[in-house]
Amino acid sequence: MSLTSSKETIRVVTVGHVDHGKSTLIGRLIYDLEQVKDEKLKELKEICSSRGKKMEWAFLLDSLQTERDQGITIDTTQIFFKSKKKKLRIY
């Protein structure tokens, strides 16, 4: 499959030491690429506000309440989205 194929899925893996911003980076990336629905963004802002925190982009990836409570990622996740030319999968 060529790099210019519109059906190609680009896979991105983030690796790093604990508490070095991997989830925050991915959360901000999907926000900047306009992949966050307005309802989800509103929910995220309310959660952060209720905790007295500024925007926590990592919360976009957290599926467990414990993850938000402890500020750590416990369960892995995959994010799928499409750009105009490619499909992306972020691990």
PDB file of N, CA and C in Angstrom:
ATOM      1  N   MET A   1       0.852  -1.167   0.000  1.00  0.00           N
ATOM      2  CA  MET A   1       0.000   0.000   0.000  1.00  0.00           C
ATOM      3  C   MET A   1       0.900   1.233   0.000  1.00  0.00           C
ATOM      4  N   SER A   2       0.602   2.180  -0.852  1.00  0.00           N
ATOM      5  CA  SER A   2       1.437   3.382  -0.942  1.00  0.00           C
ATOM      6  C   SER A   2       1.107   4.362   0.174  1.00  0.00           C
ATOM      7  N   LEU A   3       2.035   5.256   0.426  1.00  0.00           N
ATOM      8  CA  LEU A   3       1.823   6.262   1.467  1.00  0.00           C
ATOM      9  C   LEU A   3       0.718   7.237   1.107  1.00  0.00           C
ATOM     10  N   THR A   4       0.364   7.317  -0.155  1.00  0.00           N
ATOM     11  CA  THR A   4      -0.672   8.256  -0.576  1.00  0.00           C
ATOM     12  C   THR A   4      -2.058   7.631  -0.609  1.00  0.00           C
ATOM     13  N   SER A   5      -2.172   6.376  -0.266  1.00  0.00           N
ATOM     14  CA  SER A   5      -3.463   5.699  -0.266  1.00  0.00           C
ATOM     15  C   SER A   5      -4.413   6.342   0.741  1.00  0.00           C
ATOM     16  N   SER A   6      -5.634   6.638   0.296  1.00  0.00           N
ATOM     17  CA  SER A   6      -6.597   7.283   1.187  1.00  0.00           C
ATOM     18  C   SER A   6      -7.160   6.307   2.217  1.00  0.00           C
ATOM     19  N   LYS A   7      -6.948   5.015   2.026  1.00  0.00           N
ATOM     20  CA  LYS A   7      -7.478   4.023   2.956  1.00  0.00           C
ATOM     21  C   LYS A   7      -6.473   3.617   4.030  1.00  0.00           C
ATOM     22  N   GLU A   8      -5.266   4.105   3.918  1.00  0.00           N
ATOM     23  CA  GLU A   8      -4.227   3.724   4.868  1.00  0.00           C
ATOM     24  C   GLU A   8      -4.533   4.259   6.265  1.00  0.00           C
ATOM     25  N   THR A   9      -4.312   3.411   7.245  1.00  0.00           N
ATOM     26  CA  THR A   9      -4.444   3.830   8.636  1.00  0.00           C
ATOM     27  C   THR A   9      -3.058   4.084   9.195  1.00  0.00           C
ATOM     28  N   ILE A  10      -2.864   5.260   9.730  1.00  0.00           N
ATOM     29  CA  ILE A  10      -1.604   5.596  10.378  1.00  0.00           C
ATOM     30  C   ILE A  10      -1.757   5.260  11.847  1.00  0.00           C
ATOM     31  N   ARG A  11      -0.828   4.480  12.364  1.00  0.00           N
ATOM     32  CA  ARG A  11      -0.856   4.087  13.770  1.00  0.00           C
ATOM     33  C   ARG A  11       0.212   4.870  14.525  1.00  0.00           C
ATOM     34  N   VAL A  12      -0.195   5.468  15.624  1.00  0.00           N
ATOM     35  CA  VAL A  12       0.709   6.265  16.445  1.00  0.00           C
ATOM     36  C   VAL A  12       0.710   5.671  17.847  1.00  0.00           C
ATOM     37  N   VAL A  13       1.888   5.398  18.364  1.00  0.00           N
ATOM     38  CA  VAL A  13       2.031   4.845  19.707  1.00  0.00           C
ATOM     39  C   VAL A  13       2.799   5.847  20.553  1.00  0.00           C
ATOM     40  N   THR A  14       2.309   6.102  21.758  1.00  0.00           N
ATOM     41  CA  THR A  14       3.038   6.978  22.670  1.00  0.00           C
ATOM     42  C   THR A  14       3.649   6.130  23.772  1.00  0.00           C
ATOM     43  N   VAL A  15       4.895   6.420  24.040  1.00  0.00           N
ATOM     44  CA  VAL A  15       5.639   5.693  25.061  1.00  0.00           C
ATOM     45  C   VAL A  15       6.401   6.720  25.881  1.00  0.00           C
ATOM     46  N   GLY A  16       6.417   6.530  27.175  1.00  0.00           N
ATOM     47  CA  GLY A  16       7.176   7.444  28.016  1.00  0.00           C
ATOM     48  C   GLY A  16       7.089   7.043  29.471  1.00  0.00           C
ATOM     49  N   HIS A  17       7.860   7.703  30.265  1.00  0.00           N
ATOM     50  CA  HIS A  17       7.909   7.449  31.700  1.00  0.00           C
ATOM     51  C   HIS A  17       6.583   7.873  32.334  1.00  0.00           C
ATOM     52  N   VAL A  18       6.268   7.299  33.464  1.00  0.00           N
ATOM     53  CA  VAL A  18       5.043   7.621  34.189  1.00  0.00           C
ATOM     54  C   VAL A  18       4.984   9.121  34.498  1.00  0.00           C
ATOM     55  N   ASP A  19       3.803   9.690  34.335  1.00  0.00           N
ATOM     56  CA  ASP A  19       3.533  11.083  34.704  1.00  0.00           C
ATOM     57  C   ASP A  19       4.360  12.095  33.910  1.00  0.00           C
ATOM     58  N   HIS A  20       4.575  11.793  32.637  1.00  0.00           N
ATOM     59  CA  HIS A  20       5.317  12.719  31.782  1.00  0.00           C
ATOM     60  C   HIS A  20       4.459  13.305  30.659  1.00  0.00           C
ATOM     61  N   GLY A  21       3.136  13.181  30.737  1.00  0.00           N
ATOM     62  CA  GLY A  21       2.255  13.910  29.835  1.00  0.00           C
ATOM     63  C   GLY A  21       1.809  13.210  28.571  1.00  0.00           C
ATOM     64  N   LYS A  22       1.897  11.896  28.509  1.00  0.00           N
ATOM     65  CA  LYS A  22       1.474  11.181  27.310  1.00  0.00           C
ATOM     66  C   LYS A  22      -0.019  11.377  27.040  1.00  0.00           C
ATOM     67  N   SER A  23      -0.848  11.156  28.033  1.00  0.00           N
ATOM     68  CA  SER A  23      -2.297  11.312  27.863  1.00  0.00           C
ATOM     69  C   SER A  23      -2.668  12.770  27.635  1.00  0.00           C
ATOM     70  N   THR A  24      -1.987  13.670  28.294  1.00  0.00           N
ATOM     71  CA  THR A  24      -2.237  15.098  28.103  1.00  0.00           C
ATOM     72  C   THR A  24      -1.915  15.496  26.666  1.00  0.00           C
ATOM     73  N   LEU A  25      -0.807  15.013  26.145  1.00  0.00           N
ATOM     74  CA  LEU A  25      -0.412  15.298  24.767  1.00  0.00           C
ATOM     75  C   LEU A  25      -1.462  14.801  23.782  1.00  0.00           C
ATOM     76  N   ILE A  26      -1.911  13.564  23.958  1.00  0.00           N
ATOM     77  CA  ILE A  26      -2.895  12.997  23.040  1.00  0.00           C
ATOM     78  C   ILE A  26      -4.230  13.723  23.165  1.00  0.00           C
ATOM     79  N   GLY A  27      -4.644  14.013  24.387  1.00  0.00           N
ATOM     80  CA  GLY A  27      -5.885  14.752  24.588  1.00  0.00           C
ATOM     81  C   GLY A  27      -5.860  16.097  23.896  1.00  0.00           C
ATOM     82  N   ARG A  28      -4.763  16.815  24.050  1.00  0.00           N
ATOM     83  CA  ARG A  28      -4.642  18.122  23.406  1.00  0.00           C
ATOM     84  C   ARG A  28      -4.587  17.974  21.890  1.00  0.00           C
ATOM     85  N   LEU A  29      -3.917  16.945  21.399  1.00  0.00           N
ATOM     86  CA  LEU A  29      -3.828  16.702  19.965  1.00  0.00           C
ATOM     87  C   LEU A  29      -5.208  16.475  19.356  1.00  0.00           C
ATOM     88  N   ILE A  30      -6.008  15.613  19.973  1.00  0.00           N
ATOM     89  CA  ILE A  30      -7.329  15.356  19.394  1.00  0.00           C
ATOM     90  C   ILE A  30      -8.230  16.582  19.504  1.00  0.00           C
ATOM     91  N   TYR A  31      -8.013  17.413  20.513  1.00  0.00           N
ATOM     92  CA  TYR A  31      -8.749  18.677  20.606  1.00  0.00           C
ATOM     93  C   TYR A  31      -8.317  19.621  19.483  1.00  0.00           C
ATOM     94  N   ASP A  32      -7.018  19.793  19.301  1.00  0.00           N
ATOM     95  CA  ASP A  32      -6.505  20.697  18.267  1.00  0.00           C
ATOM     96  C   ASP A  32      -6.891  20.252  16.863  1.00  0.00           C
ATOM     97  N   LEU A  33      -7.070  18.950  16.665  1.00  0.00           N
ATOM     98  CA  LEU A  33      -7.495  18.426  15.369  1.00  0.00           C
ATOM     99  C   LEU A  33      -9.020  18.419  15.228  1.00  0.00           C
ATOM    100  N   GLU A  34      -9.695  19.061  16.175  1.00  0.00           N
ATOM    101  CA  GLU A  34     -11.161  19.223  16.172  1.00  0.00           C
ATOM    102  C   GLU A  34     -11.887  17.881  16.144  1.00  0.00           C
ATOM    103  N   GLN A  35     -11.408  16.949  16.960  1.00  0.00           N
ATOM    104  CA  GLN A  35     -12.005  15.622  17.044  1.00  0.00           C
ATOM    105  C   GLN A  35     -12.806  15.419  18.328  1.00  0.00           C
ATOM    106  N   VAL A  36     -12.999  16.487  19.093  1.00  0.00           N
ATOM    107  CA  VAL A  36     -13.748  16.404  20.349  1.00  0.00           C
ATOM    108  C   VAL A  36     -15.114  17.047  20.132  1.00  0.00           C
ATOM    109  N   LYS A  37     -16.153  16.294  20.389  1.00  0.00           N
ATOM    110  CA  LYS A  37     -17.508  16.826  20.230  1.00  0.00           C
ATOM    111  C   LYS A  37     -17.773  17.886  21.289  1.00  0.00           C
ATOM    112  N   ASP A  38     -18.620  18.847  20.937  1.00  0.00           N
ATOM    113  CA  ASP A  38     -18.935  19.952  21.848  1.00  0.00           C
ATOM    114  C   ASP A  38     -19.462  19.456  23.191  1.00  0.00           C
ATOM    115  N   GLU A  39     -20.294  18.411  23.166  1.00  0.00           N
ATOM    116  CA  GLU A  39     -20.858  17.882  24.408  1.00  0.00           C
ATOM    117  C   GLU A  39     -19.755  17.328  25.316  1.00  0.00           C
ATOM    118  N   LYS A  40     -18.800  16.639  24.711  1.00  0.00           N
ATOM    119  CA  LYS A  40     -17.691  16.060  25.473  1.00  0.00           C
ATOM    120  C   LYS A  40     -16.810  17.161  26.051  1.00  0.00           C
ATOM    121  N   LEU A  41     -16.577  18.212  25.285  1.00  0.00           N
ATOM    122  CA  LEU A  41     -15.767  19.327  25.763  1.00  0.00           C
ATOM    123  C   LEU A  41     -16.462  20.038  26.917  1.00  0.00           C
ATOM    124  N   LYS A  42     -17.770  20.208  26.814  1.00  0.00           N
ATOM    125  CA  LYS A  42     -18.533  20.835  27.894  1.00  0.00           C
ATOM    126  C   LYS A  42     -18.451  19.979  29.164  1.00  0.00           C
ATOM    127  N   GLU A  43     -18.612  18.673  29.005  1.00  0.00           N
ATOM    128  CA  GLU A  43     -18.516  17.746  30.144  1.00  0.00           C
ATOM    129  C   GLU A  43     -17.131  17.828  30.792  1.00  0.00           C
ATOM    130  N   LEU A  44     -16.101  17.862  29.968  1.00  0.00           N
ATOM    131  CA  LEU A  44     -14.731  17.938  30.475  1.00  0.00           C
ATOM    132  C   LEU A  44     -14.504  19.226  31.261  1.00  0.00           C
ATOM    133  N   LYS A  45     -14.993  20.335  30.738  1.00  0.00           N
ATOM    134  CA  LYS A  45     -14.843  21.619  31.437  1.00  0.00           C
ATOM    135  C   LYS A  45     -15.555  21.594  32.782  1.00  0.00           C
ATOM    136  N   GLU A  46     -16.743  20.994  32.824  1.00  0.00           N
ATOM    137  CA  GLU A  46     -17.493  20.903  34.079  1.00  0.00           C
ATOM    138  C   GLU A  46     -16.764  20.029  35.104  1.00  0.00           C
ATOM    139  N   ILE A  47     -16.215  18.920  34.656  1.00  0.00           N
ATOM    140  CA  ILE A  47     -15.469  18.027  35.552  1.00  0.00           C
ATOM    141  C   ILE A  47     -14.261  18.751  36.124  1.00  0.00           C
ATOM    142  N   CYS A  48     -13.517  19.413  35.264  1.00  0.00           N
ATOM    143  CA  CYS A  48     -12.316  20.133  35.713  1.00  0.00           C
ATOM    144  C   CYS A  48     -12.688  21.252  36.677  1.00  0.00           C
ATOM    145  N   SER A  49     -13.735  21.985  36.364  1.00  0.00           N
ATOM    146  CA  SER A  49     -14.179  23.086  37.221  1.00  0.00           C
ATOM    147  C   SER A  49     -14.612  22.576  38.589  1.00  0.00           C
ATOM    148  N   SER A  50     -15.333  21.465  38.614  1.00  0.00           N
ATOM    149  CA  SER A  50     -15.807  20.915  39.886  1.00  0.00           C
ATOM    150  C   SER A  50     -14.657  20.423  40.764  1.00  0.00           C
ATOM    151  N   ARG A  51     -13.522  20.135  40.142  1.00  0.00           N
ATOM    152  CA  ARG A  51     -12.342  19.686  40.877  1.00  0.00           C
ATOM    153  C   ARG A  51     -11.379  20.834  41.161  1.00  0.00           C
ATOM    154  N   GLY A  52     -11.769  22.047  40.736  1.00  0.00           N
ATOM    155  CA  GLY A  52     -10.909  23.205  40.958  1.00  0.00           C
ATOM    156  C   GLY A  52      -9.633  23.161  40.134  1.00  0.00           C
ATOM    157  N   LYS A  53      -9.709  22.535  38.959  1.00  0.00           N
ATOM    158  CA  LYS A  53      -8.533  22.388  38.103  1.00  0.00           C
ATOM    159  C   LYS A  53      -8.715  23.172  36.822  1.00  0.00           C
ATOM    160  N   LYS A  54      -7.578  23.525  36.220  1.00  0.00           N
ATOM    161  CA  LYS A  54      -7.632  24.053  34.867  1.00  0.00           C
ATOM    162  C   LYS A  54      -7.934  22.877  33.942  1.00  0.00           C
ATOM    163  N   MET A  55      -7.967  23.117  32.658  1.00  0.00           N
ATOM    164  CA  MET A  55      -8.301  22.063  31.707  1.00  0.00           C
ATOM    165  C   MET A  55      -7.309  20.903  31.809  1.00  0.00           C
ATOM    166  N   GLU A  56      -7.840  19.707  32.004  1.00  0.00           N
ATOM    167  CA  GLU A  56      -7.032  18.484  32.070  1.00  0.00           C
ATOM    168  C   GLU A  56      -7.298  17.672  30.803  1.00  0.00           C
ATOM    169  N   TRP A  57      -6.465  17.850  29.799  1.00  0.00           N
ATOM    170  CA  TRP A  57      -6.676  17.182  28.522  1.00  0.00           C
ATOM    171  C   TRP A  57      -6.615  15.666  28.647  1.00  0.00           C
ATOM    172  N   ALA A  58      -5.885  15.161  29.611  1.00  0.00           N
ATOM    173  CA  ALA A  58      -5.789  13.712  29.811  1.00  0.00           C
ATOM    174  C   ALA A  58      -7.150  13.110  30.146  1.00  0.00           C
ATOM    175  N   PHE A  59      -8.042  13.894  30.732  1.00  0.00           N
ATOM    176  CA  PHE A  59      -9.369  13.392  31.093  1.00  0.00           C
ATOM    177  C   PHE A  59     -10.155  12.939  29.862  1.00  0.00           C
ATOM    178  N   LEU A  60      -9.804  13.439  28.678  1.00  0.00           N
ATOM    179  CA  LEU A  60     -10.483  12.989  27.461  1.00  0.00           C
ATOM    180  C   LEU A  60     -10.271  11.497  27.224  1.00  0.00           C
ATOM    181  N   LEU A  61      -9.173  10.970  27.726  1.00  0.00           N
ATOM    182  CA  LEU A  61      -8.840   9.562  27.505  1.00  0.00           C
ATOM    183  C   LEU A  61      -9.241   8.668  28.665  1.00  0.00           C
ATOM    184  N   ASP A  62      -9.514   9.247  29.810  1.00  0.00           N
ATOM    185  CA  ASP A  62      -9.830   8.455  30.998  1.00  0.00           C
ATOM    186  C   ASP A  62     -11.221   7.845  30.893  1.00  0.00           C
ATOM    187  N   SER A  63     -11.277   6.532  31.022  1.00  0.00           N
ATOM    188  CA  SER A  63     -12.579   5.860  30.999  1.00  0.00           C
ATOM    189  C   SER A  63     -13.019   5.460  32.400  1.00  0.00           C
ATOM    190  N   LEU A  64     -12.102   5.484  33.338  1.00  0.00           N
ATOM    191  CA  LEU A  64     -12.408   5.093  34.710  1.00  0.00           C
ATOM    192  C   LEU A  64     -12.367   6.302  35.639  1.00  0.00           C
ATOM    193  N   GLN A  65     -13.317   6.391  36.534  1.00  0.00           N
ATOM    194  CA  GLN A  65     -13.341   7.474  37.521  1.00  0.00           C
ATOM    195  C   GLN A  65     -12.064   7.477  38.362  1.00  0.00           C
ATOM    196  N   THR A  66     -11.569   6.293  38.661  1.00  0.00           N
ATOM    197  CA  THR A  66     -10.344   6.161  39.456  1.00  0.00           C
ATOM    198  C   THR A  66      -9.164   6.852  38.781  1.00  0.00           C
ATOM    199  N   GLU A  67      -9.129   6.819  37.450  1.00  0.00           N
ATOM    200  CA  GLU A  67      -8.039   7.472  36.726  1.00  0.00           C
ATOM    201  C   GLU A  67      -8.046   8.977  36.980  1.00  0.00           C
ATOM    202  N   ARG A  68      -9.221   9.560  36.946  1.00  0.00           N
ATOM    203  CA  ARG A  68      -9.324  11.004  37.209  1.00  0.00           C
ATOM    204  C   ARG A  68      -9.023  11.311  38.671  1.00  0.00           C
ATOM    205  N   ASP A  69      -9.510  10.466  39.556  1.00  0.00           N
ATOM    206  CA  ASP A  69      -9.291  10.689  40.992  1.00  0.00           C
ATOM    207  C   ASP A  69      -7.813  10.625  41.359  1.00  0.00           C
ATOM    208  N   GLN A  70      -7.102   9.656  40.779  1.00  0.00           N
ATOM    209  CA  GLN A  70      -5.698   9.448  41.128  1.00  0.00           C
ATOM    210  C   GLN A  70      -4.727  10.181  40.206  1.00  0.00           C
ATOM    211  N   GLY A  71      -5.245  10.693  39.081  1.00  0.00           N
ATOM    212  CA  GLY A  71      -4.387  11.411  38.146  1.00  0.00           C
ATOM    213  C   GLY A  71      -3.410  10.523  37.404  1.00  0.00           C
ATOM    214  N   ILE A  72      -3.799   9.253  37.214  1.00  0.00           N
ATOM    215  CA  ILE A  72      -2.945   8.313  36.490  1.00  0.00           C
ATOM    216  C   ILE A  72      -3.787   7.519  35.494  1.00  0.00           C
ATOM    217  N   THR A  73      -3.143   7.024  34.461  1.00  0.00           N
ATOM    218  CA  THR A  73      -3.816   6.154  33.509  1.00  0.00           C
ATOM    219  C   THR A  73      -3.680   4.720  33.992  1.00  0.00           C
ATOM    220  N   ILE A  74      -4.817   4.047  34.109  1.00  0.00           N
ATOM    221  CA  ILE A  74      -4.834   2.663  34.567  1.00  0.00           C
ATOM    222  C   ILE A  74      -5.090   1.729  33.390  1.00  0.00           C
ATOM    223  N   ASP A  75      -6.030   2.100  32.547  1.00  0.00           N
ATOM    224  CA  ASP A  75      -6.438   1.263  31.430  1.00  0.00           C
ATOM    225  C   ASP A  75      -5.973   1.900  30.122  1.00  0.00           C
ATOM    226  N   THR A  76      -5.494   1.073  29.196  1.00  0.00           N
ATOM    227  CA  THR A  76      -5.072   1.600  27.901  1.00  0.00           C
ATOM    228  C   THR A  76      -6.295   1.958  27.069  1.00  0.00           C
ATOM    229  N   THR A  77      -6.083   2.779  26.077  1.00  0.00           N
ATOM    230  CA  THR A  77      -7.178   3.183  25.214  1.00  0.00           C
ATOM    231  C   THR A  77      -6.671   3.355  23.799  1.00  0.00           C
ATOM    232  N   GLN A  78      -7.601   3.344  22.858  1.00  0.00           N
ATOM    233  CA  GLN A  78      -7.290   3.621  21.465  1.00  0.00           C
ATOM    234  C   GLN A  78      -8.222   4.720  20.989  1.00  0.00           C
ATOM    235  N   ILE A  79      -7.672   5.640  20.237  1.00  0.00           N
ATOM    236  CA  ILE A  79      -8.453   6.732  19.669  1.00  0.00           C
ATOM    237  C   ILE A  79      -8.430   6.559  18.157  1.00  0.00           C
ATOM    238  N   PHE A  80      -9.602   6.575  17.533  1.00  0.00           N
ATOM    239  CA  PHE A  80      -9.713   6.466  16.086  1.00  0.00           C
ATOM    240  C   PHE A  80     -10.304   7.760  15.547  1.00  0.00           C
ATOM    241  N   PHE A  81      -9.737   8.277  14.478  1.00  0.00           N
ATOM    242  CA  PHE A  81     -10.371   9.392  13.786  1.00  0.00           C
ATOM    243  C   PHE A  81      -9.826   9.510  12.380  1.00  0.00           C
ATOM    244  N   LYS A  82     -10.496  10.317  11.575  1.00  0.00           N
ATOM    245  CA  LYS A  82     -10.111  10.495  10.181  1.00  0.00           C
ATOM    246  C   LYS A  82      -9.748  11.951   9.941  1.00  0.00           C
ATOM    247  N   SER A  83      -8.712  12.134   9.146  1.00  0.00           N
ATOM    248  CA  SER A  83      -8.421  13.460   8.620  1.00  0.00           C
ATOM    249  C   SER A  83      -8.991  13.465   7.202  1.00  0.00           C
ATOM    250  N   LYS A  84      -8.724  14.494   6.454  1.00  0.00           N
ATOM    251  CA  LYS A  84      -9.246  14.537   5.085  1.00  0.00           C
ATOM    252  C   LYS A  84      -8.652  13.443   4.207  1.00  0.00           C
ATOM    253  N   LYS A  85      -7.419  13.035   4.524  1.00  0.00           N
ATOM    254  CA  LYS A  85      -6.740  12.072   3.663  1.00  0.00           C
ATOM    255  C   LYS A  85      -6.434  10.730   4.316  1.00  0.00           C
ATOM    256  N   LYS A  86      -6.393  10.683   5.638  1.00  0.00           N
ATOM    257  CA  LYS A  86      -5.944   9.471   6.321  1.00  0.00           C
ATOM    258  C   LYS A  86      -6.863   9.095   7.471  1.00  0.00           C
ATOM    259  N   LYS A  87      -6.772   7.836   7.845  1.00  0.00           N
ATOM    260  CA  LYS A  87      -7.389   7.368   9.078  1.00  0.00           C
ATOM    261  C   LYS A  87      -6.267   7.220  10.091  1.00  0.00           C
ATOM    262  N   LEU A  88      -6.518   7.612  11.323  1.00  0.00           N
ATOM    263  CA  LEU A  88      -5.499   7.514  12.360  1.00  0.00           C
ATOM    264  C   LEU A  88      -5.992   6.667  13.514  1.00  0.00           C
ATOM    265  N   ARG A  89      -5.069   5.941  14.088  1.00  0.00           N
ATOM    266  CA  ARG A  89      -5.332   5.165  15.301  1.00  0.00           C
ATOM    267  C   ARG A  89      -4.200   5.493  16.268  1.00  0.00           C
ATOM    268  N   ILE A  90      -4.561   6.061  17.413  1.00  0.00           N
ATOM    269  CA  ILE A  90      -3.562   6.411  18.415  1.00  0.00           C
ATOM    270  C   ILE A  90      -3.715   5.460  19.582  1.00  0.00           C
ATOM    271  N   TYR A  91      -2.603   4.855  19.994  1.00  0.00           N
ATOM    272  CA  TYR A  91      -2.585   3.916  21.117  1.00  0.00           C
ATOM    273  C   TYR A  91      -2.010   4.597  22.325  1.00  0.00           C
TER     274      TYR A  91
END
